Amino acid sequence: MKKKSSSKKLASKKHKKEIKRKSKRKESKLYKEEAKRKLGAVERAISLFPKSCNICKSIFTGDDHSLDAWNLKVINDSMILTCEKCGNDN
């Protein structure tokens, strides 16, 4: 009879491990879905950025050496992008 009870304990342990695995898979899936949603929101926000200076209309290239030279201001849900030259004039 002891063999039956030990097999029940093993089955119980296996069941508990499977439940843990399922919950971790579900948690991981939810984390991935949330990350995708947040990434989509960031991509949409970036796509709304202006492509040129609002004052002199020079094109914003976005290369690494010019990123610090441009200014972005958000006023009443509108974005104002100014280049280094126009930003220094104000």
Protein backbone atom coordinates (compact mmCIF):
# COMPACT_ATOMS: atom_id res chain seq x y z
CA MET A 1 0.00 0.00 0.00
CA LYS A 2 2.88 2.38 0.55
CA LYS A 3 3.69 2.33 -3.15
CA LYS A 4 0.28 3.72 -4.00
CA SER A 5 0.58 6.59 -1.53
CA SER A 6 4.06 7.47 -2.77
CA SER A 7 2.83 7.45 -6.35
CA LYS A 8 0.05 9.80 -5.29
CA LYS A 9 2.64 12.10 -3.74
CA LEU A 10 4.66 12.03 -6.96
CA ALA A 11 1.57 12.77 -8.99
CA SER A 12 0.73 15.60 -6.63
CA LYS A 13 4.24 17.06 -6.96
CA LYS A 14 4.09 16.78 -10.75
CA HIS A 15 0.70 18.47 -10.75
CA LYS A 16 2.02 21.34 -8.61
CA LYS A 17 5.03 21.76 -10.90
CA GLU A 18 2.78 21.82 -13.96
CA ILE A 19 0.58 24.46 -12.35
CA LYS A 20 3.68 26.58 -11.64
CA ARG A 21 4.85 26.18 -15.24
CA LYS A 22 1.45 27.19 -16.58
CA SER A 23 1.31 30.29 -14.41
CA LYS A 24 4.85 31.30 -15.46
CA ARG A 25 3.97 30.82 -19.13
CA LYS A 26 0.83 32.90 -18.69
CA GLU A 27 2.75 35.63 -16.85
CA SER A 28 5.42 35.65 -19.54
CA LYS A 29 2.79 35.92 -22.27
CA LEU A 30 1.10 38.86 -20.52
CA TYR A 31 4.47 40.59 -20.08
CA LYS A 32 5.25 40.21 -23.80
CA GLU A 33 1.81 41.54 -24.80
CA GLU A 34 2.22 44.56 -22.52
CA ALA A 35 5.68 45.27 -23.93
CA LYS A 36 4.29 45.12 -27.49
CA ARG A 37 1.51 47.54 -26.56
CA LYS A 38 3.97 50.00 -25.01
CA LEU A 39 6.32 49.74 -27.99
CA GLY A 40 3.40 50.47 -30.33
CA ALA A 41 2.51 53.57 -28.33
CA VAL A 42 6.09 54.82 -28.52
CA GLU A 43 6.24 54.17 -32.28
CA ARG A 44 3.00 56.10 -32.80
CA ALA A 45 4.32 59.02 -30.74
CA ILE A 46 7.58 59.10 -32.72
CA SER A 47 5.68 59.04 -36.01
CA LEU A 48 3.89 62.23 -34.92
CA PHE A 49 7.17 64.14 -34.43
CA PRO A 50 7.69 67.02 -36.86
CA LYS A 51 10.12 66.30 -39.70
CA SER A 52 11.51 69.84 -40.04
CA CYS A 53 12.13 73.00 -38.04
CA ASN A 54 8.89 74.91 -37.41
CA ILE A 55 10.62 78.26 -38.01
CA CYS A 56 13.10 77.88 -40.89
CA LYS A 57 11.81 74.56 -42.32
CA SER A 58 15.26 72.91 -42.34
CA ILE A 59 14.96 69.12 -42.46
CA PHE A 60 15.58 67.10 -39.30
CA THR A 61 17.83 64.17 -40.26
CA GLY A 62 18.02 62.57 -36.84
CA ASP A 63 21.66 61.49 -37.09
CA ASP A 64 23.57 61.10 -33.82
CA HIS A 65 25.68 64.27 -33.95
CA SER A 66 22.68 66.57 -34.49
CA LEU A 67 20.29 65.15 -31.88
CA ASP A 68 21.52 67.45 -29.12
CA ALA A 69 21.27 70.52 -31.35
CA TRP A 70 17.51 70.27 -31.94
CA ASN A 71 14.83 71.21 -29.38
CA LEU A 72 11.38 69.70 -29.07
CA LYS A 73 8.68 71.49 -27.08
CA VAL A 74 5.17 70.22 -26.44
CA ILE A 75 2.59 72.95 -25.96
CA ASN A 76 -1.13 72.19 -25.78
CA ASP A 77 -0.79 68.80 -27.52
CA SER A 78 1.27 70.25 -30.39
CA MET A 79 4.97 69.62 -30.94
CA ILE A 80 7.34 72.42 -31.89
CA LEU A 81 10.69 71.34 -33.31
CA THR A 82 13.41 73.96 -33.66
CA CYS A 83 16.92 73.63 -35.03
CA GLU A 84 20.03 74.89 -33.25
CA LYS A 85 20.14 78.09 -35.32
CA CYS A 86 16.49 79.02 -34.67
CA GLY A 87 16.68 77.92 -31.04
CA ASN A 88 19.57 80.31 -30.41
CA ASP A 89 17.69 83.19 -32.03
CA ASN A 90 14.84 82.97 -29.50
